[in-house]
Amino acid sequence: MDQQYDVLIVDDHQIVREGLKSLLSDVPWARIVGEARTVREVFDMDFGNPPHLILIDPNVSGDVDLDSIKQIKAVHPFIKVLALTANESEDWVYKCLEAGVNGYVVKKSPCSELLMAAQTVLDGKTFLSPGVLVDVAKVYLEGRRSKQPEALVGALTHREREVFQLVGQGHKNREIAELLYISIKTVEKHRATMMRKLRLKSPADVRRLWVLLKDTFTAP
């Protein structure tokens, strides 16, 4: 990487922050511009320019940090956020992705993986630690080795794709019915067919798949 990127480190453990600073000090493209214990502290920091990358453990303050990440991304969408945490819970990974996190690395990972993740998100792509990726993906990849999720979604009808999108965005059946000007019973029918075709078992499964596909998904 030829360009130098400003990096902000957010972790409640000083020893972790010191370790990250030591690691990144040997990386030509990284320039440490600050550190904080929580994301909320970031709002009180005075930057000449916003950092390009924020390394954060969002598990410290839980949903409070996730709400803060959403606020940061809303104001500065170009900032890349890389979660570095010991939490490998599938639900927590999903929450972080929904909040706008660009990458997710577990703390037991080797340093080389963290550096790879940082470069990946700075390049505009999403990165998930291999073990986490397996856990997140298995809910819709099991038994579908010959088909990619995009291909499965492509098999949906126009209405089923609309229902998939709205369920993925968190809408309830009544809300979907109102948005599409159809009956709740019709929504339930399309929803059941959509989930059967995608081999999903719950609304949470639909939301996880939506998070991974929404950037490339276009309803017909």
C-alpha atoms as a PDB file:
ATOM      1  CA  MET A   1       0.000   0.000   0.000  1.00  0.00           C
ATOM      2  CA  ASP A   2       1.575   3.252  -1.158  1.00  0.00           C
ATOM      3  CA  GLN A   3      -0.769   5.614   0.689  1.00  0.00           C
ATOM      4  CA  GLN A   4      -0.428   6.264   4.421  1.00  0.00           C
ATOM      5  CA  TYR A   5      -3.606   5.886   6.482  1.00  0.00           C
ATOM      6  CA  ASP A   6      -4.510   7.482   9.806  1.00  0.00           C
ATOM      7  CA  VAL A   7      -5.500   4.879  12.418  1.00  0.00           C
ATOM      8  CA  LEU A   8      -7.401   5.346  15.677  1.00  0.00           C
ATOM      9  CA  ILE A   9      -7.226   2.585  18.319  1.00  0.00           C
ATOM     10  CA  VAL A  10     -10.167   2.018  20.679  1.00  0.00           C
ATOM     11  CA  ASP A  11      -9.884  -0.575  23.456  1.00  0.00           C
ATOM     12  CA  ASP A  12     -10.469  -0.434  27.202  1.00  0.00           C
ATOM     13  CA  HIS A  13      -7.245  -2.321  27.963  1.00  0.00           C
ATOM     14  CA  GLN A  14      -4.091  -0.211  27.829  1.00  0.00           C
ATOM     15  CA  ILE A  15      -1.895  -3.226  27.239  1.00  0.00           C
ATOM     16  CA  VAL A  16      -3.915  -4.044  24.115  1.00  0.00           C
ATOM     17  CA  ARG A  17      -3.646  -0.472  22.875  1.00  0.00           C
ATOM     18  CA  GLU A  18       0.105  -0.482  23.470  1.00  0.00           C
ATOM     19  CA  GLY A  19       0.438  -3.795  21.651  1.00  0.00           C
ATOM     20  CA  LEU A  20      -1.481  -2.505  18.635  1.00  0.00           C
ATOM     21  CA  LYS A  21       0.586   0.659  18.534  1.00  0.00           C
ATOM     22  CA  SER A  22       3.768  -1.402  18.650  1.00  0.00           C
ATOM     23  CA  LEU A  23       2.529  -3.662  15.849  1.00  0.00           C
ATOM     24  CA  LEU A  24       1.424  -0.804  13.604  1.00  0.00           C
ATOM     25  CA  SER A  25       4.556   1.261  14.227  1.00  0.00           C
ATOM     26  CA  ASP A  26       6.406  -1.156  11.934  1.00  0.00           C
ATOM     27  CA  VAL A  27       3.778  -0.900   9.181  1.00  0.00           C
ATOM     28  CA  PRO A  28       4.678   1.743   6.541  1.00  0.00           C
ATOM     29  CA  TRP A  29       1.082   2.545   5.592  1.00  0.00           C
ATOM     30  CA  ALA A  30      -0.194   3.075   9.163  1.00  0.00           C
ATOM     31  CA  ARG A  31       0.004   6.291  11.156  1.00  0.00           C
ATOM     32  CA  ILE A  32      -1.447   6.216  14.708  1.00  0.00           C
ATOM     33  CA  VAL A  33      -3.398   9.445  15.305  1.00  0.00           C
ATOM     34  CA  GLY A  34      -4.974   8.658  18.662  1.00  0.00           C
ATOM     35  CA  GLU A  35      -6.353   6.135  21.124  1.00  0.00           C
ATOM     36  CA  ALA A  36      -9.439   5.872  23.331  1.00  0.00           C
ATOM     37  CA  ARG A  37     -11.035   3.500  25.820  1.00  0.00           C
ATOM     38  CA  THR A  38     -14.525   3.540  24.248  1.00  0.00           C
ATOM     39  CA  VAL A  39     -16.102   4.801  21.053  1.00  0.00           C
ATOM     40  CA  ARG A  40     -17.941   7.484  23.006  1.00  0.00           C
ATOM     41  CA  GLU A  41     -14.583   9.053  23.834  1.00  0.00           C
ATOM     42  CA  VAL A  42     -13.933   9.442  20.122  1.00  0.00           C
ATOM     43  CA  PHE A  43     -16.609  12.141  19.935  1.00  0.00           C
ATOM     44  CA  ASP A  44     -14.576  14.271  22.367  1.00  0.00           C
ATOM     45  CA  MET A  45     -11.351  13.965  20.403  1.00  0.00           C
ATOM     46  CA  ASP A  46     -10.124  16.820  18.227  1.00  0.00           C
ATOM     47  CA  PHE A  47      -8.873  15.576  14.859  1.00  0.00           C
ATOM     48  CA  GLY A  48      -7.536  17.781  12.124  1.00  0.00           C
ATOM     49  CA  ASN A  49      -9.059  15.226   9.778  1.00  0.00           C
ATOM     50  CA  PRO A  50     -11.116  12.104  10.642  1.00  0.00           C
ATOM     51  CA  PRO A  51      -9.053   8.879  10.695  1.00  0.00           C
ATOM     52  CA  HIS A  52      -9.223   6.498   7.769  1.00  0.00           C
ATOM     53  CA  LEU A  53      -9.465   3.443  10.020  1.00  0.00           C
ATOM     54  CA  ILE A  54     -10.774   2.784  13.530  1.00  0.00           C
ATOM     55  CA  LEU A  55      -9.646  -0.387  15.298  1.00  0.00           C
ATOM     56  CA  ILE A  56     -12.143  -1.086  18.062  1.00  0.00           C
ATOM     57  CA  ASP A  57     -13.323  -3.675  20.528  1.00  0.00           C
ATOM     58  CA  PRO A  58     -17.091  -2.929  20.412  1.00  0.00           C
ATOM     59  CA  ASN A  59     -17.804  -5.518  23.080  1.00  0.00           C
ATOM     60  CA  VAL A  60     -16.623  -3.178  25.856  1.00  0.00           C
ATOM     61  CA  SER A  61     -19.790  -1.097  26.064  1.00  0.00           C
ATOM     62  CA  GLY A  62     -21.918  -3.386  23.936  1.00  0.00           C
ATOM     63  CA  ASP A  63     -24.863  -1.780  22.188  1.00  0.00           C
ATOM     64  CA  VAL A  64     -23.694   1.681  23.328  1.00  0.00           C
ATOM     65  CA  ASP A  65     -20.577   1.306  21.196  1.00  0.00           C
ATOM     66  CA  LEU A  66     -22.611  -0.048  18.283  1.00  0.00           C
ATOM     67  CA  ASP A  67     -24.893   2.990  18.401  1.00  0.00           C
ATOM     68  CA  SER A  68     -21.801   5.203  18.416  1.00  0.00           C
ATOM     69  CA  ILE A  69     -20.393   3.370  15.410  1.00  0.00           C
ATOM     70  CA  LYS A  70     -23.662   3.987  13.561  1.00  0.00           C
ATOM     71  CA  GLN A  71     -23.370   7.709  14.360  1.00  0.00           C
ATOM     72  CA  ILE A  72     -19.777   7.862  13.162  1.00  0.00           C
ATOM     73  CA  LYS A  73     -20.606   6.048   9.919  1.00  0.00           C
ATOM     74  CA  ALA A  74     -23.609   8.313   9.340  1.00  0.00           C
ATOM     75  CA  VAL A  75     -21.426  11.432   9.551  1.00  0.00           C
ATOM     76  CA  HIS A  76     -18.249   9.980   8.008  1.00  0.00           C
ATOM     77  CA  PRO A  77     -19.244   7.004   5.816  1.00  0.00           C
ATOM     78  CA  PHE A  78     -15.742   6.795   4.350  1.00  0.00           C
ATOM     79  CA  ILE A  79     -14.234   5.835   7.734  1.00  0.00           C
ATOM     80  CA  LYS A  80     -13.521   2.106   7.899  1.00  0.00           C
ATOM     81  CA  VAL A  81     -14.271   0.356  11.187  1.00  0.00           C
ATOM     82  CA  LEU A  82     -12.499  -2.884  12.043  1.00  0.00           C
ATOM     83  CA  ALA A  83     -13.786  -4.756  15.086  1.00  0.00           C
ATOM     84  CA  LEU A  84     -11.094  -6.532  17.110  1.00  0.00           C
ATOM     85  CA  THR A  85     -12.730  -8.538  19.873  1.00  0.00           C
ATOM     86  CA  ALA A  86     -12.720 -11.840  21.743  1.00  0.00           C
ATOM     87  CA  ASN A  87     -16.464 -12.278  21.173  1.00  0.00           C
ATOM     88  CA  GLU A  88     -17.125 -14.909  18.507  1.00  0.00           C
ATOM     89  CA  SER A  89     -20.903 -15.030  18.976  1.00  0.00           C
ATOM     90  CA  GLU A  90     -22.731 -15.281  15.663  1.00  0.00           C
ATOM     91  CA  ASP A  91     -25.409 -12.863  16.893  1.00  0.00           C
ATOM     92  CA  TRP A  92     -22.784 -10.311  17.952  1.00  0.00           C
ATOM     93  CA  VAL A  93     -21.001 -10.537  14.602  1.00  0.00           C
ATOM     94  CA  TYR A  94     -24.334  -9.876  12.895  1.00  0.00           C
ATOM     95  CA  LYS A  95     -25.041  -6.878  15.158  1.00  0.00           C
ATOM     96  CA  CYS A  96     -21.633  -5.407  14.365  1.00  0.00           C
ATOM     97  CA  LEU A  97     -22.130  -5.812  10.615  1.00  0.00           C
ATOM     98  CA  GLU A  98     -25.561  -4.221  10.891  1.00  0.00           C
ATOM     99  CA  ALA A  99     -24.019  -1.274  12.790  1.00  0.00           C
ATOM    100  CA  GLY A 100     -21.671  -0.631   9.873  1.00  0.00           C
ATOM    101  CA  VAL A 101     -18.497  -2.473  10.877  1.00  0.00           C
ATOM    102  CA  ASN A 102     -16.383  -3.206   7.797  1.00  0.00           C
ATOM    103  CA  GLY A 103     -14.401  -6.082   9.259  1.00  0.00           C
ATOM    104  CA  TYR A 104     -14.372  -8.444  12.220  1.00  0.00           C
ATOM    105  CA  VAL A 105     -11.234 -10.033  13.684  1.00  0.00           C
ATOM    106  CA  VAL A 106     -11.075 -12.172  16.821  1.00  0.00           C
ATOM    107  CA  LYS A 107      -8.271 -11.354  19.242  1.00  0.00           C
ATOM    108  CA  LYS A 108      -6.844 -14.867  19.196  1.00  0.00           C
ATOM    109  CA  SER A 109      -5.975 -14.367  15.513  1.00  0.00           C
ATOM    110  CA  PRO A 110      -2.345 -13.941  14.442  1.00  0.00           C
ATOM    111  CA  CYS A 111      -1.045 -10.425  13.860  1.00  0.00           C
ATOM    112  CA  SER A 112      -0.748 -11.144  10.145  1.00  0.00           C
ATOM    113  CA  GLU A 113      -4.521 -11.675   9.969  1.00  0.00           C
ATOM    114  CA  LEU A 114      -5.183  -8.324  11.621  1.00  0.00           C
ATOM    115  CA  LEU A 115      -2.926  -6.532   9.141  1.00  0.00           C
ATOM    116  CA  MET A 116      -4.583  -8.352   6.252  1.00  0.00           C
ATOM    117  CA  ALA A 117      -8.003  -7.383   7.598  1.00  0.00           C
ATOM    118  CA  ALA A 118      -6.983  -3.721   7.903  1.00  0.00           C
ATOM    119  CA  GLN A 119      -5.720  -3.622   4.330  1.00  0.00           C
ATOM    120  CA  THR A 120      -8.853  -5.402   3.098  1.00  0.00           C
ATOM    121  CA  VAL A 121     -11.296  -2.924   4.657  1.00  0.00           C
ATOM    122  CA  LEU A 122      -9.191   0.051   3.565  1.00  0.00           C
ATOM    123  CA  ASP A 123      -9.522  -1.328   0.036  1.00  0.00           C
ATOM    124  CA  GLY A 124     -13.290  -1.082   0.413  1.00  0.00           C
ATOM    125  CA  LYS A 125     -13.990  -4.756   1.064  1.00  0.00           C
ATOM    126  CA  THR A 126     -15.404  -6.673   4.027  1.00  0.00           C
ATOM    127  CA  PHE A 127     -13.237  -8.975   6.157  1.00  0.00           C
ATOM    128  CA  LEU A 128     -14.329 -11.666   8.630  1.00  0.00           C
ATOM    129  CA  SER A 129     -11.956 -13.939  10.534  1.00  0.00           C
ATOM    130  CA  PRO A 130     -12.130 -17.402   8.931  1.00  0.00           C
ATOM    131  CA  GLY A 131     -13.669 -19.089  11.982  1.00  0.00           C
ATOM    132  CA  VAL A 132     -16.281 -16.366  12.350  1.00  0.00           C
ATOM    133  CA  LEU A 133     -17.053 -16.449   8.639  1.00  0.00           C
ATOM    134  CA  VAL A 134     -17.812 -20.148   8.856  1.00  0.00           C
ATOM    135  CA  ASP A 135     -20.205 -19.629  11.771  1.00  0.00           C
ATOM    136  CA  VAL A 136     -22.013 -16.729  10.107  1.00  0.00           C
ATOM    137  CA  ALA A 137     -22.263 -18.379   6.704  1.00  0.00           C
ATOM    138  CA  LYS A 138     -23.236 -21.902   7.710  1.00  0.00           C
ATOM    139  CA  VAL A 139     -26.831 -20.941   8.420  1.00  0.00           C
ATOM    140  CA  TYR A 140     -27.457 -20.559   4.689  1.00  0.00           C
ATOM    141  CA  LEU A 141     -24.546 -22.426   3.119  1.00  0.00           C
ATOM    142  CA  GLU A 142     -25.136 -25.857   4.652  1.00  0.00           C
ATOM    143  CA  GLY A 143     -26.248 -28.233   1.951  1.00  0.00           C
ATOM    144  CA  ARG A 144     -25.815 -25.636  -0.803  1.00  0.00           C
ATOM    145  CA  ARG A 145     -22.259 -26.205  -1.962  1.00  0.00           C
ATOM    146  CA  SER A 146     -23.322 -26.169  -5.605  1.00  0.00           C
ATOM    147  CA  LYS A 147     -25.241 -22.887  -5.253  1.00  0.00           C
ATOM    148  CA  GLN A 148     -24.146 -19.464  -4.099  1.00  0.00           C
ATOM    149  CA  PRO A 149     -26.579 -17.288  -2.065  1.00  0.00           C
ATOM    150  CA  GLU A 150     -26.893 -14.839  -4.972  1.00  0.00           C
ATOM    151  CA  ALA A 151     -28.045 -17.658  -7.246  1.00  0.00           C
ATOM    152  CA  LEU A 152     -30.645 -18.789  -4.736  1.00  0.00           C
ATOM    153  CA  VAL A 153     -32.033 -15.259  -4.412  1.00  0.00           C
ATOM    154  CA  GLY A 154     -32.144 -15.097  -8.196  1.00  0.00           C
ATOM    155  CA  ALA A 155     -34.631 -17.977  -8.142  1.00  0.00           C
ATOM    156  CA  LEU A 156     -37.182 -15.868  -6.244  1.00  0.00           C
ATOM    157  CA  THR A 157     -40.138 -14.247  -7.973  1.00  0.00           C
ATOM    158  CA  HIS A 158     -40.526 -10.475  -8.114  1.00  0.00           C
ATOM    159  CA  ARG A 159     -42.818 -10.431  -5.084  1.00  0.00           C
ATOM    160  CA  GLU A 160     -40.700 -12.913  -3.123  1.00  0.00           C
ATOM    161  CA  ARG A 161     -37.638 -10.725  -3.678  1.00  0.00           C
ATOM    162  CA  GLU A 162     -39.554  -7.715  -2.369  1.00  0.00           C
ATOM    163  CA  VAL A 163     -40.597  -9.681   0.715  1.00  0.00           C
ATOM    164  CA  PHE A 164     -37.018 -10.933   1.208  1.00  0.00           C
ATOM    165  CA  GLN A 165     -35.723  -7.351   1.107  1.00  0.00           C
ATOM    166  CA  LEU A 166     -38.315  -6.053   3.572  1.00  0.00           C
ATOM    167  CA  VAL A 167     -37.903  -8.947   6.012  1.00  0.00           C
ATOM    168  CA  GLY A 168     -34.144  -8.466   5.774  1.00  0.00           C
ATOM    169  CA  GLN A 169     -34.612  -4.816   6.708  1.00  0.00           C
ATOM    170  CA  GLY A 170     -36.544  -5.850   9.810  1.00  0.00           C
ATOM    171  CA  HIS A 171     -40.138  -5.187   8.757  1.00  0.00           C
ATOM    172  CA  LYS A 172     -42.983  -7.220  10.271  1.00  0.00           C
ATOM    173  CA  ASN A 173     -45.722  -8.896   8.202  1.00  0.00           C
ATOM    174  CA  ARG A 174     -48.250  -6.108   8.812  1.00  0.00           C
ATOM    175  CA  GLU A 175     -45.735  -3.447   7.753  1.00  0.00           C
ATOM    176  CA  ILE A 176     -44.837  -5.434   4.626  1.00  0.00           C
ATOM    177  CA  ALA A 177     -48.511  -5.773   3.739  1.00  0.00           C
ATOM    178  CA  GLU A 178     -48.974  -2.009   4.008  1.00  0.00           C
ATOM    179  CA  LEU A 179     -45.838  -1.234   2.002  1.00  0.00           C
ATOM    180  CA  LEU A 180     -46.723  -3.637  -0.813  1.00  0.00           C
ATOM    181  CA  TYR A 181     -50.492  -3.020  -0.707  1.00  0.00           C
ATOM    182  CA  ILE A 182     -51.270  -6.700  -0.246  1.00  0.00           C
ATOM    183  CA  SER A 183     -52.977  -8.696   2.505  1.00  0.00           C
ATOM    184  CA  ILE A 184     -51.117 -10.092   5.503  1.00  0.00           C
ATOM    185  CA  LYS A 185     -52.155 -13.574   4.387  1.00  0.00           C
ATOM    186  CA  THR A 186     -50.514 -12.984   0.993  1.00  0.00           C
ATOM    187  CA  VAL A 187     -47.373 -11.735   2.735  1.00  0.00           C
ATOM    188  CA  GLU A 188     -47.276 -14.899   4.842  1.00  0.00           C
ATOM    189  CA  LYS A 189     -47.611 -17.036   1.714  1.00  0.00           C
ATOM    190  CA  HIS A 190     -44.794 -15.276  -0.158  1.00  0.00           C
ATOM    191  CA  ARG A 191     -42.655 -15.228   2.981  1.00  0.00           C
ATOM    192  CA  ALA A 192     -43.020 -18.975   3.528  1.00  0.00           C
ATOM    193  CA  THR A 193     -42.173 -19.716  -0.107  1.00  0.00           C
ATOM    194  CA  MET A 194     -39.199 -17.333  -0.039  1.00  0.00           C
ATOM    195  CA  MET A 195     -37.766 -18.941   3.097  1.00  0.00           C
ATOM    196  CA  ARG A 196     -38.276 -22.433   1.680  1.00  0.00           C
ATOM    197  CA  LYS A 197     -36.428 -21.541  -1.540  1.00  0.00           C
ATOM    198  CA  LEU A 198     -33.580 -19.945   0.410  1.00  0.00           C
ATOM    199  CA  ARG A 199     -33.602 -22.786   2.959  1.00  0.00           C
ATOM    200  CA  LEU A 200     -33.830 -20.369   5.864  1.00  0.00           C
ATOM    201  CA  LYS A 201     -35.514 -21.201   9.149  1.00  0.00           C
ATOM    202  CA  SER A 202     -36.070 -17.879  10.932  1.00  0.00           C
ATOM    203  CA  PRO A 203     -36.300 -14.103  10.382  1.00  0.00           C
ATOM    204  CA  ALA A 204     -32.814 -13.820  11.916  1.00  0.00           C
ATOM    205  CA  ASP A 205     -31.495 -16.069   9.133  1.00  0.00           C
ATOM    206  CA  VAL A 206     -33.108 -13.793   6.541  1.00  0.00           C
ATOM    207  CA  ARG A 207     -31.563 -10.703   8.122  1.00  0.00           C
ATOM    208  CA  ARG A 208     -28.093 -12.298   8.165  1.00  0.00           C
ATOM    209  CA  LEU A 209     -28.332 -13.184   4.493  1.00  0.00           C
ATOM    210  CA  TRP A 210     -29.665  -9.706   3.697  1.00  0.00           C
ATOM    211  CA  VAL A 211     -26.700  -8.053   5.463  1.00  0.00           C
ATOM    212  CA  LEU A 212     -24.295 -10.024   3.291  1.00  0.00           C
ATOM    213  CA  LEU A 213     -26.165  -9.445   0.013  1.00  0.00           C
ATOM    214  CA  LYS A 214     -27.704  -5.987   0.375  1.00  0.00           C
ATOM    215  CA  ASP A 215     -24.844  -4.149  -1.368  1.00  0.00           C
ATOM    216  CA  THR A 216     -25.383  -6.183  -4.545  1.00  0.00           C
ATOM    217  CA  PHE A 217     -29.116  -6.805  -4.239  1.00  0.00           C
ATOM    218  CA  THR A 218     -31.536  -5.062  -6.563  1.00  0.00           C
ATOM    219  CA  ALA A 219     -35.226  -5.887  -6.541  1.00  0.00           C
ATOM    220  CA  PRO A 220     -36.563  -6.361 -10.093  1.00  0.00           C
END
